Amino acid sequence: MRIELKKFGTVLTSRPAGKEAYLSARAYILPQDKNEPVEIDFSGVQVLSPSWADEFLTPIKNELGNNLILLPSDNSSVKASLEILMEQHKT
């Protein structure tokens, strides 16, 4: 399954909007089978903030583990936000 983040908007910046997007995805998009791989497609996203990404991606990662696949992006805000998230969640 592939989730295109541009369906949630092209400027993804606020923590409340990220949480709302996650809740919507969980209710209507995410597969019931937690073993099904889910690809996150960043194409078409102009701006992604770490706070939006944290609210959306972290709970999905917690649910799916290695079945969450973040597709590559050339967008500098996407790259920077994902790097920040990875630093924050290192243990």
PDB file of N, CA and C in Angstrom:
ATOM      1  N   MET A   1       0.842  -1.166   0.000  1.00  0.00           N
ATOM      2  CA  MET A   1       0.000   0.000   0.000  1.00  0.00           C
ATOM      3  C   MET A   1       0.886   1.227   0.000  1.00  0.00           C
ATOM      4  N   ARG A   2       0.466   2.250  -0.712  1.00  0.00           N
ATOM      5  CA  ARG A   2       1.214   3.507  -0.771  1.00  0.00           C
ATOM      6  C   ARG A   2       0.309   4.654  -0.316  1.00  0.00           C
ATOM      7  N   ILE A   3       0.850   5.477   0.583  1.00  0.00           N
ATOM      8  CA  ILE A   3       0.138   6.676   1.036  1.00  0.00           C
ATOM      9  C   ILE A   3       0.851   7.890   0.460  1.00  0.00           C
ATOM     10  N   GLU A   4       0.135   8.664  -0.337  1.00  0.00           N
ATOM     11  CA  GLU A   4       0.680   9.894  -0.903  1.00  0.00           C
ATOM     12  C   GLU A   4       0.372  11.039   0.059  1.00  0.00           C
ATOM     13  N   LEU A   5       1.432  11.590   0.657  1.00  0.00           N
ATOM     14  CA  LEU A   5       1.223  12.650   1.650  1.00  0.00           C
ATOM     15  C   LEU A   5       0.606  13.904   1.056  1.00  0.00           C
ATOM     16  N   LYS A   6       0.776  14.130  -0.258  1.00  0.00           N
ATOM     17  CA  LYS A   6       0.199  15.322  -0.877  1.00  0.00           C
ATOM     18  C   LYS A   6      -1.330  15.339  -0.767  1.00  0.00           C
ATOM     19  N   LYS A   7      -1.922  14.192  -0.504  1.00  0.00           N
ATOM     20  CA  LYS A   7      -3.379  14.156  -0.307  1.00  0.00           C
ATOM     21  C   LYS A   7      -3.788  14.872   0.979  1.00  0.00           C
ATOM     22  N   PHE A   8      -2.820  15.054   1.892  1.00  0.00           N
ATOM     23  CA  PHE A   8      -3.073  15.789   3.132  1.00  0.00           C
ATOM     24  C   PHE A   8      -2.701  17.262   2.997  1.00  0.00           C
ATOM     25  N   GLY A   9      -2.124  17.626   1.860  1.00  0.00           N
ATOM     26  CA  GLY A   9      -1.715  18.999   1.594  1.00  0.00           C
ATOM     27  C   GLY A   9      -0.285  19.029   1.100  1.00  0.00           C
ATOM     28  N   THR A  10       0.130  20.176   0.578  1.00  0.00           N
ATOM     29  CA  THR A  10       1.497  20.301   0.088  1.00  0.00           C
ATOM     30  C   THR A  10       2.393  21.007   1.094  1.00  0.00           C
ATOM     31  N   VAL A  11       1.790  21.704   2.055  1.00  0.00           N
ATOM     32  CA  VAL A  11       2.535  22.353   3.132  1.00  0.00           C
ATOM     33  C   VAL A  11       2.066  21.712   4.434  1.00  0.00           C
ATOM     34  N   LEU A  12       2.881  20.827   4.983  1.00  0.00           N
ATOM     35  CA  LEU A  12       2.522  20.030   6.157  1.00  0.00           C
ATOM     36  C   LEU A  12       3.371  20.514   7.323  1.00  0.00           C
ATOM     37  N   THR A  13       2.786  21.382   8.162  1.00  0.00           N
ATOM     38  CA  THR A  13       3.630  22.075   9.121  1.00  0.00           C
ATOM     39  C   THR A  13       3.223  22.002  10.581  1.00  0.00           C
ATOM     40  N   SER A  14       2.000  21.816  10.910  1.00  0.00           N
ATOM     41  CA  SER A  14       1.642  21.936  12.329  1.00  0.00           C
ATOM     42  C   SER A  14       1.422  20.578  12.982  1.00  0.00           C
ATOM     43  N   ARG A  15       1.733  20.519  14.253  1.00  0.00           N
ATOM     44  CA  ARG A  15       1.543  19.298  15.037  1.00  0.00           C
ATOM     45  C   ARG A  15       0.065  18.872  15.041  1.00  0.00           C
ATOM     46  N   PRO A  16      -0.899  19.793  15.290  1.00  0.00           N
ATOM     47  CA  PRO A  16      -2.309  19.380  15.260  1.00  0.00           C
ATOM     48  C   PRO A  16      -2.744  18.828  13.902  1.00  0.00           C
ATOM     49  N   ALA A  17      -2.246  19.420  12.825  1.00  0.00           N
ATOM     50  CA  ALA A  17      -2.612  18.924  11.490  1.00  0.00           C
ATOM     51  C   ALA A  17      -2.016  17.542  11.247  1.00  0.00           C
ATOM     52  N   GLY A  18      -0.807  17.306  11.744  1.00  0.00           N
ATOM     53  CA  GLY A  18      -0.192  15.986  11.612  1.00  0.00           C
ATOM     54  C   GLY A  18      -0.964  14.921  12.362  1.00  0.00           C
ATOM     55  N   LYS A  19      -1.413  15.275  13.549  1.00  0.00           N
ATOM     56  CA  LYS A  19      -2.194  14.325  14.349  1.00  0.00           C
ATOM     57  C   LYS A  19      -3.530  14.033  13.666  1.00  0.00           C
ATOM     58  N   GLU A  20      -4.172  15.074  13.149  1.00  0.00           N
ATOM     59  CA  GLU A  20      -5.442  14.889  12.443  1.00  0.00           C
ATOM     60  C   GLU A  20      -5.248  14.001  11.211  1.00  0.00           C
ATOM     61  N   ALA A  21      -4.160  14.216  10.478  1.00  0.00           N
ATOM     62  CA  ALA A  21      -3.880  13.394   9.298  1.00  0.00           C
ATOM     63  C   ALA A  21      -3.649  11.937   9.705  1.00  0.00           C
ATOM     64  N   TYR A  22      -2.917  11.729  10.784  1.00  0.00           N
ATOM     65  CA  TYR A  22      -2.685  10.361  11.263  1.00  0.00           C
ATOM     66  C   TYR A  22      -4.008   9.679  11.638  1.00  0.00           C
ATOM     67  N   LEU A  23      -4.837  10.375  12.387  1.00  0.00           N
ATOM     68  CA  LEU A  23      -6.109   9.778  12.802  1.00  0.00           C
ATOM     69  C   LEU A  23      -6.977   9.434  11.603  1.00  0.00           C
ATOM     70  N   SER A  24      -6.962  10.292  10.593  1.00  0.00           N
ATOM     71  CA  SER A  24      -7.709  10.022   9.371  1.00  0.00           C
ATOM     72  C   SER A  24      -7.133   8.812   8.647  1.00  0.00           C
ATOM     73  N   ALA A  25      -5.815   8.759   8.538  1.00  0.00           N
ATOM     74  CA  ALA A  25      -5.174   7.626   7.869  1.00  0.00           C
ATOM     75  C   ALA A  25      -5.453   6.332   8.618  1.00  0.00           C
ATOM     76  N   ARG A  26      -5.387   6.376   9.930  1.00  0.00           N
ATOM     77  CA  ARG A  26      -5.635   5.170  10.724  1.00  0.00           C
ATOM     78  C   ARG A  26      -7.072   4.681  10.528  1.00  0.00           C
ATOM     79  N   ALA A  27      -8.007   5.613  10.452  1.00  0.00           N
ATOM     80  CA  ALA A  27      -9.411   5.225  10.323  1.00  0.00           C
ATOM     81  C   ALA A  27      -9.773   4.759   8.911  1.00  0.00           C
ATOM     82  N   TYR A  28      -9.164   5.369   7.889  1.00  0.00           N
ATOM     83  CA  TYR A  28      -9.644   5.126   6.528  1.00  0.00           C
ATOM     84  C   TYR A  28      -8.621   4.537   5.563  1.00  0.00           C
ATOM     85  N   ILE A  29      -7.316   4.640   5.867  1.00  0.00           N
ATOM     86  CA  ILE A  29      -6.319   4.261   4.872  1.00  0.00           C
ATOM     87  C   ILE A  29      -5.450   3.089   5.307  1.00  0.00           C
ATOM     88  N   LEU A  30      -4.926   3.141   6.515  1.00  0.00           N
ATOM     89  CA  LEU A  30      -3.965   2.129   6.947  1.00  0.00           C
ATOM     90  C   LEU A  30      -4.589   0.740   6.933  1.00  0.00           C
ATOM     91  N   PRO A  31      -3.820  -0.264   6.512  1.00  0.00           N
ATOM     92  CA  PRO A  31      -4.361  -1.620   6.435  1.00  0.00           C
ATOM     93  C   PRO A  31      -4.601  -2.204   7.824  1.00  0.00           C
ATOM     94  N   GLN A  32      -5.582  -3.061   7.916  1.00  0.00           N
ATOM     95  CA  GLN A  32      -5.857  -3.765   9.163  1.00  0.00           C
ATOM     96  C   GLN A  32      -4.754  -4.768   9.466  1.00  0.00           C
ATOM     97  N   ASP A  33      -4.198  -5.343   8.403  1.00  0.00           N
ATOM     98  CA  ASP A  33      -3.114  -6.308   8.539  1.00  0.00           C
ATOM     99  C   ASP A  33      -1.810  -5.551   8.771  1.00  0.00           C
ATOM    100  N   LYS A  34      -1.286  -5.599   9.974  1.00  0.00           N
ATOM    101  CA  LYS A  34      -0.072  -4.864  10.336  1.00  0.00           C
ATOM    102  C   LYS A  34       1.172  -5.428   9.668  1.00  0.00           C
ATOM    103  N   ASN A  35       1.049  -6.576   8.994  1.00  0.00           N
ATOM    104  CA  ASN A  35       2.177  -7.156   8.272  1.00  0.00           C
ATOM    105  C   ASN A  35       2.261  -6.651   6.838  1.00  0.00           C
ATOM    106  N   GLU A  36       1.240  -5.913   6.398  1.00  0.00           N
ATOM    107  CA  GLU A  36       1.260  -5.369   5.038  1.00  0.00           C
ATOM    108  C   GLU A  36       2.170  -4.143   4.997  1.00  0.00           C
ATOM    109  N   PRO A  37       3.143  -4.119   4.091  1.00  0.00           N
ATOM    110  CA  PRO A  37       4.028  -2.962   3.989  1.00  0.00           C
ATOM    111  C   PRO A  37       3.255  -1.705   3.568  1.00  0.00           C
ATOM    112  N   VAL A  38       3.643  -0.585   4.153  1.00  0.00           N
ATOM    113  CA  VAL A  38       3.046   0.704   3.818  1.00  0.00           C
ATOM    114  C   VAL A  38       4.170   1.643   3.394  1.00  0.00           C
ATOM    115  N   GLU A  39       4.056   2.146   2.164  1.00  0.00           N
ATOM    116  CA  GLU A  39       5.034   3.091   1.637  1.00  0.00           C
ATOM    117  C   GLU A  39       4.502   4.513   1.803  1.00  0.00           C
ATOM    118  N   ILE A  40       5.365   5.393   2.294  1.00  0.00           N
ATOM    119  CA  ILE A  40       5.008   6.809   2.408  1.00  0.00           C
ATOM    120  C   ILE A  40       5.684   7.540   1.257  1.00  0.00           C
ATOM    121  N   ASP A  41       4.863   8.169   0.405  1.00  0.00           N
ATOM    122  CA  ASP A  41       5.331   8.866  -0.783  1.00  0.00           C
ATOM    123  C   ASP A  41       5.299  10.375  -0.509  1.00  0.00           C
ATOM    124  N   PHE A  42       6.462  11.017  -0.584  1.00  0.00           N
ATOM    125  CA  PHE A  42       6.586  12.436  -0.290  1.00  0.00           C
ATOM    126  C   PHE A  42       6.481  13.302  -1.544  1.00  0.00           C
ATOM    127  N   SER A  43       6.314  12.715  -2.716  1.00  0.00           N
ATOM    128  CA  SER A  43       6.264  13.506  -3.941  1.00  0.00           C
ATOM    129  C   SER A  43       5.078  14.467  -3.892  1.00  0.00           C
ATOM    130  N   GLY A  44       5.324  15.684  -4.343  1.00  0.00           N
ATOM    131  CA  GLY A  44       4.282  16.706  -4.343  1.00  0.00           C
ATOM    132  C   GLY A  44       4.209  17.515  -3.066  1.00  0.00           C
ATOM    133  N   VAL A  45       4.925  17.094  -2.024  1.00  0.00           N
ATOM    134  CA  VAL A  45       4.963  17.848  -0.771  1.00  0.00           C
ATOM    135  C   VAL A  45       6.018  18.939  -0.911  1.00  0.00           C
ATOM    136  N   GLN A  46       5.617  20.179  -0.672  1.00  0.00           N
ATOM    137  CA  GLN A  46       6.548  21.303  -0.784  1.00  0.00           C
ATOM    138  C   GLN A  46       7.289  21.533   0.526  1.00  0.00           C
ATOM    139  N   VAL A  47       6.564  21.438   1.652  1.00  0.00           N
ATOM    140  CA  VAL A  47       7.157  21.678   2.967  1.00  0.00           C
ATOM    141  C   VAL A  47       6.663  20.607   3.930  1.00  0.00           C
ATOM    142  N   LEU A  48       7.611  20.020   4.663  1.00  0.00           N
ATOM    143  CA  LEU A  48       7.287  19.062   5.720  1.00  0.00           C
ATOM    144  C   LEU A  48       8.054  19.479   6.965  1.00  0.00           C
ATOM    145  N   SER A  49       7.332  19.741   8.039  1.00  0.00           N
ATOM    146  CA  SER A  49       8.001  20.122   9.287  1.00  0.00           C
ATOM    147  C   SER A  49       8.201  18.891  10.162  1.00  0.00           C
ATOM    148  N   PRO A  50       9.222  18.934  11.024  1.00  0.00           N
ATOM    149  CA  PRO A  50       9.439  17.812  11.942  1.00  0.00           C
ATOM    150  C   PRO A  50       8.234  17.544  12.845  1.00  0.00           C
ATOM    151  N   SER A  51       7.529  18.596  13.248  1.00  0.00           N
ATOM    152  CA  SER A  51       6.385  18.390  14.152  1.00  0.00           C
ATOM    153  C   SER A  51       5.251  17.645  13.446  1.00  0.00           C
ATOM    154  N   TRP A  52       4.939  18.008  12.210  1.00  0.00           N
ATOM    155  CA  TRP A  52       3.899  17.308  11.457  1.00  0.00           C
ATOM    156  C   TRP A  52       4.329  15.857  11.255  1.00  0.00           C
ATOM    157  N   ALA A  53       5.572  15.680  10.811  1.00  0.00           N
ATOM    158  CA  ALA A  53       6.069  14.331  10.549  1.00  0.00           C
ATOM    159  C   ALA A  53       6.041  13.471  11.810  1.00  0.00           C
ATOM    160  N   ASP A  54       6.382  14.068  12.956  1.00  0.00           N
ATOM    161  CA  ASP A  54       6.389  13.318  14.216  1.00  0.00           C
ATOM    162  C   ASP A  54       4.985  12.835  14.563  1.00  0.00           C
ATOM    163  N   GLU A  55       4.005  13.693  14.420  1.00  0.00           N
ATOM    164  CA  GLU A  55       2.622  13.321  14.750  1.00  0.00           C
ATOM    165  C   GLU A  55       2.050  12.285  13.788  1.00  0.00           C
ATOM    166  N   PHE A  56       2.500  12.315  12.541  1.00  0.00           N
ATOM    167  CA  PHE A  56       1.965  11.393  11.536  1.00  0.00           C
ATOM    168  C   PHE A  56       2.766  10.096  11.460  1.00  0.00           C
ATOM    169  N   LEU A  57       4.077  10.214  11.338  1.00  0.00           N
ATOM    170  CA  LEU A  57       4.905   9.038  11.073  1.00  0.00           C
ATOM    171  C   LEU A  57       5.221   8.203  12.309  1.00  0.00           C
ATOM    172  N   THR A  58       5.448   8.842  13.444  1.00  0.00           N
ATOM    173  CA  THR A  58       5.849   8.096  14.639  1.00  0.00           C
ATOM    174  C   THR A  58       4.810   7.059  15.066  1.00  0.00           C
ATOM    175  N   PRO A  59       3.519   7.419  15.155  1.00  0.00           N
ATOM    176  CA  PRO A  59       2.556   6.370  15.550  1.00  0.00           C
ATOM    177  C   PRO A  59       2.415   5.268  14.501  1.00  0.00           C
ATOM    178  N   ILE A  60       2.590   5.617  13.226  1.00  0.00           N
ATOM    179  CA  ILE A  60       2.527   4.582  12.190  1.00  0.00           C
ATOM    180  C   ILE A  60       3.725   3.648  12.334  1.00  0.00           C
ATOM    181  N   LYS A  61       4.890   4.222  12.573  1.00  0.00           N
ATOM    182  CA  LYS A  61       6.100   3.413  12.785  1.00  0.00           C
ATOM    183  C   LYS A  61       5.929   2.514  14.008  1.00  0.00           C
ATOM    184  N   ASN A  62       5.312   3.046  15.063  1.00  0.00           N
ATOM    185  CA  ASN A  62       5.082   2.247  16.272  1.00  0.00           C
ATOM    186  C   ASN A  62       4.141   1.073  15.994  1.00  0.00           C
ATOM    187  N   GLU A  63       3.188   1.272  15.105  1.00  0.00           N
ATOM    188  CA  GLU A  63       2.224   0.213  14.775  1.00  0.00           C
ATOM    189  C   GLU A  63       2.803  -0.806  13.794  1.00  0.00           C
ATOM    190  N   LEU A  64       3.525  -0.315  12.787  1.00  0.00           N
ATOM    191  CA  LEU A  64       3.956  -1.179  11.690  1.00  0.00           C
ATOM    192  C   LEU A  64       5.402  -1.645  11.783  1.00  0.00           C
ATOM    193  N   GLY A  65       6.209  -0.953  12.565  1.00  0.00           N
ATOM    194  CA  GLY A  65       7.618  -1.327  12.665  1.00  0.00           C
ATOM    195  C   GLY A  65       8.317  -1.247  11.322  1.00  0.00           C
ATOM    196  N   ASN A  66       9.000  -2.328  10.955  1.00  0.00           N
ATOM    197  CA  ASN A  66       9.761  -2.348   9.703  1.00  0.00           C
ATOM    198  C   ASN A  66       8.891  -2.416   8.460  1.00  0.00           C
ATOM    199  N   ASN A  67       7.582  -2.533   8.625  1.00  0.00           N
ATOM    200  CA  ASN A  67       6.682  -2.536   7.474  1.00  0.00           C
ATOM    201  C   ASN A  67       6.362  -1.131   6.995  1.00  0.00           C
ATOM    202  N   LEU A  68       6.890  -0.124   7.669  1.00  0.00           N
ATOM    203  CA  LEU A  68       6.757   1.259   7.211  1.00  0.00           C
ATOM    204  C   LEU A  68       7.974   1.580   6.358  1.00  0.00           C
ATOM    205  N   ILE A  69       7.725   1.975   5.117  1.00  0.00           N
ATOM    206  CA  ILE A  69       8.795   2.281   4.166  1.00  0.00           C
ATOM    207  C   ILE A  69       8.656   3.738   3.751  1.00  0.00           C
ATOM    208  N   LEU A  70       9.700   4.529   4.016  1.00  0.00           N
ATOM    209  CA  LEU A  70       9.722   5.932   3.620  1.00  0.00           C
ATOM    210  C   LEU A  70      10.426   6.022   2.270  1.00  0.00           C
ATOM    211  N   LEU A  71       9.675   6.394   1.245  1.00  0.00           N
ATOM    212  CA  LEU A  71      10.263   6.479  -0.087  1.00  0.00           C
ATOM    213  C   LEU A  71      11.213   7.667  -0.165  1.00  0.00           C
ATOM    214  N   PRO A  72      12.257   7.570  -0.991  1.00  0.00           N
ATOM    215  CA  PRO A  72      13.233   8.653  -1.091  1.00  0.00           C
ATOM    216  C   PRO A  72      12.614   9.942  -1.624  1.00  0.00           C
ATOM    217  N   SER A  73      13.193  11.058  -1.204  1.00  0.00           N
ATOM    218  CA  SER A  73      12.724  12.369  -1.645  1.00  0.00           C
ATOM    219  C   SER A  73      13.929  13.277  -1.861  1.00  0.00           C
ATOM    220  N   ASP A  74      13.832  14.130  -2.871  1.00  0.00           N
ATOM    221  CA  ASP A  74      14.864  15.133  -3.115  1.00  0.00           C
ATOM    222  C   ASP A  74      14.555  16.435  -2.396  1.00  0.00           C
ATOM    223  N   ASN A  75      13.389  16.534  -1.789  1.00  0.00           N
ATOM    224  CA  ASN A  75      12.958  17.766  -1.116  1.00  0.00           C
ATOM    225  C   ASN A  75      13.784  17.977   0.154  1.00  0.00           C
ATOM    226  N   SER A  76      14.406  19.140   0.258  1.00  0.00           N
ATOM    227  CA  SER A  76      15.293  19.397   1.403  1.00  0.00           C
ATOM    228  C   SER A  76      14.540  19.467   2.725  1.00  0.00           C
ATOM    229  N   SER A  77      13.303  19.967   2.737  1.00  0.00           N
ATOM    230  CA  SER A  77      12.567  20.019   4.004  1.00  0.00           C
ATOM    231  C   SER A  77      12.145  18.626   4.452  1.00  0.00           C
ATOM    232  N   VAL A  78      11.849  17.750   3.510  1.00  0.00           N
ATOM    233  CA  VAL A  78      11.521  16.359   3.844  1.00  0.00           C
ATOM    234  C   VAL A  78      12.755  15.674   4.422  1.00  0.00           C
ATOM    235  N   LYS A  79      13.882  15.815   3.740  1.00  0.00           N
ATOM    236  CA  LYS A  79      15.127  15.190   4.215  1.00  0.00           C
ATOM    237  C   LYS A  79      15.491  15.677   5.608  1.00  0.00           C
ATOM    238  N   ALA A  80      15.446  17.003   5.808  1.00  0.00           N
ATOM    239  CA  ALA A  80      15.820  17.570   7.109  1.00  0.00           C
ATOM    240  C   ALA A  80      14.869  17.105   8.204  1.00  0.00           C
ATOM    241  N   SER A  81      13.577  17.091   7.927  1.00  0.00           N
ATOM    242  CA  SER A  81      12.591  16.673   8.932  1.00  0.00           C
ATOM    243  C   SER A  81      12.784  15.217   9.316  1.00  0.00           C
ATOM    244  N   LEU A  82      13.044  14.364   8.339  1.00  0.00           N
ATOM    245  CA  LEU A  82      13.249  12.945   8.630  1.00  0.00           C
ATOM    246  C   LEU A  82      14.539  12.721   9.415  1.00  0.00           C
ATOM    247  N   GLU A  83      15.573  13.494   9.106  1.00  0.00           N
ATOM    248  CA  GLU A  83      16.819  13.392   9.873  1.00  0.00           C
ATOM    249  C   GLU A  83      16.603  13.799  11.325  1.00  0.00           C
ATOM    250  N   ILE A  84      15.852  14.869  11.541  1.00  0.00           N
ATOM    251  CA  ILE A  84      15.553  15.321  12.905  1.00  0.00           C
ATOM    252  C   ILE A  84      14.769  14.250  13.653  1.00  0.00           C
ATOM    253  N   LEU A  85      13.779  13.666  13.009  1.00  0.00           N
ATOM    254  CA  LEU A  85      12.988  12.607  13.657  1.00  0.00           C
ATOM    255  C   LEU A  85      13.857  11.418  14.021  1.00  0.00           C
ATOM    256  N   MET A  86      14.742  11.037  13.120  1.00  0.00           N
ATOM    257  CA  MET A  86      15.603   9.889  13.406  1.00  0.00           C
ATOM    258  C   MET A  86      16.510  10.183  14.577  1.00  0.00           C
ATOM    259  N   GLU A  87      17.008  11.396  14.687  1.00  0.00           N
ATOM    260  CA  GLU A  87      17.854  11.784  15.833  1.00  0.00           C
ATOM    261  C   GLU A  87      17.049  11.751  17.131  1.00  0.00           C
ATOM    262  N   GLN A  88      15.835  12.268  17.086  1.00  0.00           N
ATOM    263  CA  GLN A  88      14.998  12.331  18.292  1.00  0.00           C
ATOM    264  C   GLN A  88      14.629  10.939  18.807  1.00  0.00           C
ATOM    265  N   HIS A  89      14.473   9.995  17.917  1.00  0.00           N
ATOM    266  CA  HIS A  89      13.971   8.677  18.313  1.00  0.00           C
ATOM    267  C   HIS A  89      15.063   7.638  18.456  1.00  0.00           C
ATOM    268  N   LYS A  90      16.315   8.059  18.395  1.00  0.00           N
ATOM    269  CA  LYS A  90      17.405   7.120  18.655  1.00  0.00           C
ATOM    270  C   LYS A  90      17.401   6.747  20.134  1.00  0.00           C
ATOM    271  N   THR A  91      17.661   5.499  20.404  1.00  0.00           N
ATOM    272  CA  THR A  91      17.746   5.058  21.797  1.00  0.00           C
ATOM    273  C   THR A  91      19.038   4.374  22.072  1.00  0.00           C
TER     274      THR A  91
END
